[in-house]
Amino acid sequence: MGGSTKDAWDEVGESFAGVGRRLSERYKTLAEERTADAAEDARKLKEALRAVTDQLDRAFTSVGDTLRDPEAQSELHKAVGSLGDAITTTFSEVGERIRTRGKADGPPTPPDQPGQPSAS
């Protein structure tokens, strides 16, 4: 009886050891696959960042070159001046409308008093 009990428990141990080996192998395989995926993702991210950096470099170089160009400076100065003139004109017109509206309407009419007939 002792031999068969020992054999039974040895078989249990071997079975669990086999399951453990399978788990270990699968774990290592998944780790390798994910490492390869992570490396590919990192490579793609580096490429995307490099492309964005190149685009930003071109954009800022273009802005810098344009701002150094005397003709562009003249056009920019004219555009900013036009913007300032438009804002000044707009505020002047609004101010004039406010001033003339207050004069044309006369004093404000008081609200209807309770118990008095309405003026309309």
C-alpha atoms as a PDB file:
ATOM      1  CA  MET A   1       0.000   0.000   0.000  1.00  0.00           C
ATOM      2  CA  GLY A   2       2.863   2.353   0.775  1.00  0.00           C
ATOM      3  CA  GLY A   3       4.281   1.915  -2.728  1.00  0.00           C
ATOM      4  CA  SER A   4       1.030   2.640  -4.487  1.00  0.00           C
ATOM      5  CA  THR A   5       0.357   5.729  -2.336  1.00  0.00           C
ATOM      6  CA  LYS A   6       3.829   6.999  -3.086  1.00  0.00           C
ATOM      7  CA  ASP A   7       3.344   6.269  -6.781  1.00  0.00           C
ATOM      8  CA  ALA A   8       0.000   8.082  -6.754  1.00  0.00           C
ATOM      9  CA  TRP A   9       1.530  11.177  -5.169  1.00  0.00           C
ATOM     10  CA  ASP A  10       4.527  11.031  -7.487  1.00  0.00           C
ATOM     11  CA  GLU A  11       2.105  11.019 -10.400  1.00  0.00           C
ATOM     12  CA  VAL A  12       0.280  14.044  -8.930  1.00  0.00           C
ATOM     13  CA  GLY A  13       3.619  15.839  -8.541  1.00  0.00           C
ATOM     14  CA  GLU A  14       4.662  15.022 -12.106  1.00  0.00           C
ATOM     15  CA  SER A  15       1.293  16.174 -13.455  1.00  0.00           C
ATOM     16  CA  PHE A  16       1.535  19.503 -11.638  1.00  0.00           C
ATOM     17  CA  ALA A  17       5.168  19.854 -12.701  1.00  0.00           C
ATOM     18  CA  GLY A  18       4.059  19.317 -16.323  1.00  0.00           C
ATOM     19  CA  VAL A  19       1.372  21.964 -15.969  1.00  0.00           C
ATOM     20  CA  GLY A  20       3.930  24.308 -14.394  1.00  0.00           C
ATOM     21  CA  ARG A  21       6.349  23.755 -17.304  1.00  0.00           C
ATOM     22  CA  ARG A  22       3.566  24.514 -19.796  1.00  0.00           C
ATOM     23  CA  LEU A  23       2.642  27.698 -17.906  1.00  0.00           C
ATOM     24  CA  SER A  24       6.284  28.741 -17.797  1.00  0.00           C
ATOM     25  CA  GLU A  25       6.761  28.131 -21.534  1.00  0.00           C
ATOM     26  CA  ARG A  26       3.585  30.011 -22.411  1.00  0.00           C
ATOM     27  CA  TYR A  27       4.575  32.893 -20.135  1.00  0.00           C
ATOM     28  CA  LYS A  28       8.005  33.156 -21.815  1.00  0.00           C
ATOM     29  CA  THR A  29       6.440  32.993 -25.289  1.00  0.00           C
ATOM     30  CA  LEU A  30       3.979  35.771 -24.453  1.00  0.00           C
ATOM     31  CA  ALA A  31       6.757  37.890 -22.969  1.00  0.00           C
ATOM     32  CA  GLU A  32       8.828  37.491 -26.150  1.00  0.00           C
ATOM     33  CA  GLU A  33       5.831  38.325 -28.367  1.00  0.00           C
ATOM     34  CA  ARG A  34       4.984  41.395 -26.329  1.00  0.00           C
ATOM     35  CA  THR A  35       8.611  42.504 -26.293  1.00  0.00           C
ATOM     36  CA  ALA A  36       8.674  42.252 -30.088  1.00  0.00           C
ATOM     37  CA  ASP A  37       5.367  44.169 -30.296  1.00  0.00           C
ATOM     38  CA  ALA A  38       6.654  46.795 -27.885  1.00  0.00           C
ATOM     39  CA  ALA A  39       9.846  47.209 -29.895  1.00  0.00           C
ATOM     40  CA  GLU A  40       7.798  47.652 -33.085  1.00  0.00           C
ATOM     41  CA  ASP A  41       5.506  50.146 -31.336  1.00  0.00           C
ATOM     42  CA  ALA A  42       8.521  52.090 -30.068  1.00  0.00           C
ATOM     43  CA  ARG A  43       9.988  52.148 -33.594  1.00  0.00           C
ATOM     44  CA  LYS A  44       6.699  53.449 -35.030  1.00  0.00           C
ATOM     45  CA  LEU A  45       6.472  56.083 -32.307  1.00  0.00           C
ATOM     46  CA  LYS A  46      10.032  57.236 -33.046  1.00  0.00           C
ATOM     47  CA  GLU A  47       9.172  57.515 -36.751  1.00  0.00           C
ATOM     48  CA  ALA A  48       6.027  59.530 -36.013  1.00  0.00           C
ATOM     49  CA  LEU A  49       7.916  61.865 -33.662  1.00  0.00           C
ATOM     50  CA  ARG A  50      10.669  62.334 -36.228  1.00  0.00           C
ATOM     51  CA  ALA A  51       8.066  63.213 -38.887  1.00  0.00           C
ATOM     52  CA  VAL A  52       6.320  65.691 -36.576  1.00  0.00           C
ATOM     53  CA  THR A  53       9.656  67.261 -35.633  1.00  0.00           C
ATOM     54  CA  ASP A  54      10.576  67.617 -39.309  1.00  0.00           C
ATOM     55  CA  GLN A  55       7.214  69.254 -40.083  1.00  0.00           C
ATOM     56  CA  LEU A  56       7.561  71.692 -37.164  1.00  0.00           C
ATOM     57  CA  ASP A  57      11.109  72.522 -38.214  1.00  0.00           C
ATOM     58  CA  ARG A  58       9.949  73.320 -41.755  1.00  0.00           C
ATOM     59  CA  ALA A  59       7.019  75.388 -40.459  1.00  0.00           C
ATOM     60  CA  PHE A  60       9.142  77.471 -38.077  1.00  0.00           C
ATOM     61  CA  THR A  61      11.894  77.898 -40.672  1.00  0.00           C
ATOM     62  CA  SER A  62       9.261  79.104 -43.135  1.00  0.00           C
ATOM     63  CA  VAL A  63       7.885  81.601 -40.600  1.00  0.00           C
ATOM     64  CA  GLY A  64      11.386  82.828 -39.762  1.00  0.00           C
ATOM     65  CA  ASP A  65      12.375  83.185 -43.413  1.00  0.00           C
ATOM     66  CA  THR A  66       9.145  85.031 -44.185  1.00  0.00           C
ATOM     67  CA  LEU A  67       9.580  87.439 -41.269  1.00  0.00           C
ATOM     68  CA  ARG A  68      13.129  88.259 -42.433  1.00  0.00           C
ATOM     69  CA  ASP A  69      11.932  89.022 -45.979  1.00  0.00           C
ATOM     70  CA  PRO A  70      11.618  92.830 -46.430  1.00  0.00           C
ATOM     71  CA  GLU A  71       8.559  92.516 -48.715  1.00  0.00           C
ATOM     72  CA  ALA A  72       6.827  90.222 -46.228  1.00  0.00           C
ATOM     73  CA  GLN A  73       7.661  92.641 -43.407  1.00  0.00           C
ATOM     74  CA  SER A  74       6.099  95.471 -45.389  1.00  0.00           C
ATOM     75  CA  GLU A  75       2.955  93.417 -46.072  1.00  0.00           C
ATOM     76  CA  LEU A  76       2.723  92.389 -42.425  1.00  0.00           C
ATOM     77  CA  HIS A  77       3.134  95.996 -41.288  1.00  0.00           C
ATOM     78  CA  LYS A  78       0.363  97.045 -43.694  1.00  0.00           C
ATOM     79  CA  ALA A  79      -1.925  94.205 -42.529  1.00  0.00           C
ATOM     80  CA  VAL A  80      -1.415  95.071 -38.840  1.00  0.00           C
ATOM     81  CA  GLY A  81      -2.064  98.750 -39.617  1.00  0.00           C
ATOM     82  CA  SER A  82      -5.266  97.843 -41.477  1.00  0.00           C
ATOM     83  CA  LEU A  83      -6.396  95.749 -38.541  1.00  0.00           C
ATOM     84  CA  GLY A  84      -5.755  98.632 -36.157  1.00  0.00           C
ATOM     85  CA  ASP A  85      -7.652 101.048 -38.440  1.00  0.00           C
ATOM     86  CA  ALA A  86     -10.610  98.656 -38.669  1.00  0.00           C
ATOM     87  CA  ILE A  87     -10.765  98.249 -34.887  1.00  0.00           C
ATOM     88  CA  THR A  88     -10.502 102.018 -34.330  1.00  0.00           C
ATOM     89  CA  THR A  89     -13.245 102.732 -36.899  1.00  0.00           C
ATOM     90  CA  THR A  90     -15.513 100.091 -35.408  1.00  0.00           C
ATOM     91  CA  PHE A  91     -15.184 101.444 -31.878  1.00  0.00           C
ATOM     92  CA  SER A  92     -15.668 105.020 -33.099  1.00  0.00           C
ATOM     93  CA  GLU A  93     -18.881 104.043 -34.890  1.00  0.00           C
ATOM     94  CA  VAL A  94     -20.165 102.134 -31.872  1.00  0.00           C
ATOM     95  CA  GLY A  95     -19.380 105.076 -29.597  1.00  0.00           C
ATOM     96  CA  GLU A  96     -21.142 107.480 -31.955  1.00  0.00           C
ATOM     97  CA  ARG A  97     -24.230 105.258 -32.118  1.00  0.00           C
ATOM     98  CA  ILE A  98     -24.359 105.096 -28.340  1.00  0.00           C
ATOM     99  CA  ARG A  99     -24.042 108.884 -28.029  1.00  0.00           C
ATOM    100  CA  THR A 100     -26.640 109.685 -30.713  1.00  0.00           C
ATOM    101  CA  ARG A 101     -29.099 107.066 -29.517  1.00  0.00           C
ATOM    102  CA  GLY A 102     -29.170 108.535 -26.034  1.00  0.00           C
ATOM    103  CA  LYS A 103     -29.829 112.013 -27.462  1.00  0.00           C
ATOM    104  CA  ALA A 104     -32.475 110.990 -30.014  1.00  0.00           C
ATOM    105  CA  ASP A 105     -34.559 108.958 -27.616  1.00  0.00           C
ATOM    106  CA  GLY A 106     -34.753 111.642 -24.931  1.00  0.00           C
ATOM    107  CA  PRO A 107     -35.148 110.712 -21.296  1.00  0.00           C
ATOM    108  CA  PRO A 108     -36.192 107.140 -20.595  1.00  0.00           C
ATOM    109  CA  THR A 109     -39.898 106.567 -19.950  1.00  0.00           C
ATOM    110  CA  PRO A 110     -40.771 105.349 -16.466  1.00  0.00           C
ATOM    111  CA  PRO A 111     -42.218 101.862 -16.132  1.00  0.00           C
ATOM    112  CA  ASP A 112     -45.990 101.495 -15.734  1.00  0.00           C
ATOM    113  CA  GLN A 113     -47.156 102.088 -12.189  1.00  0.00           C
ATOM    114  CA  PRO A 114     -49.456  99.493 -10.654  1.00  0.00           C
ATOM    115  CA  GLY A 115     -53.076 100.579 -10.865  1.00  0.00           C
ATOM    116  CA  GLN A 116     -52.454 103.081 -13.706  1.00  0.00           C
ATOM    117  CA  PRO A 117     -53.486 102.449 -17.326  1.00  0.00           C
ATOM    118  CA  SER A 118     -50.761 101.484 -19.721  1.00  0.00           C
ATOM    119  CA  ALA A 119     -49.546 104.104 -22.297  1.00  0.00           C
ATOM    120  CA  SER A 120     -49.685 101.596 -25.159  1.00  0.00           C
END
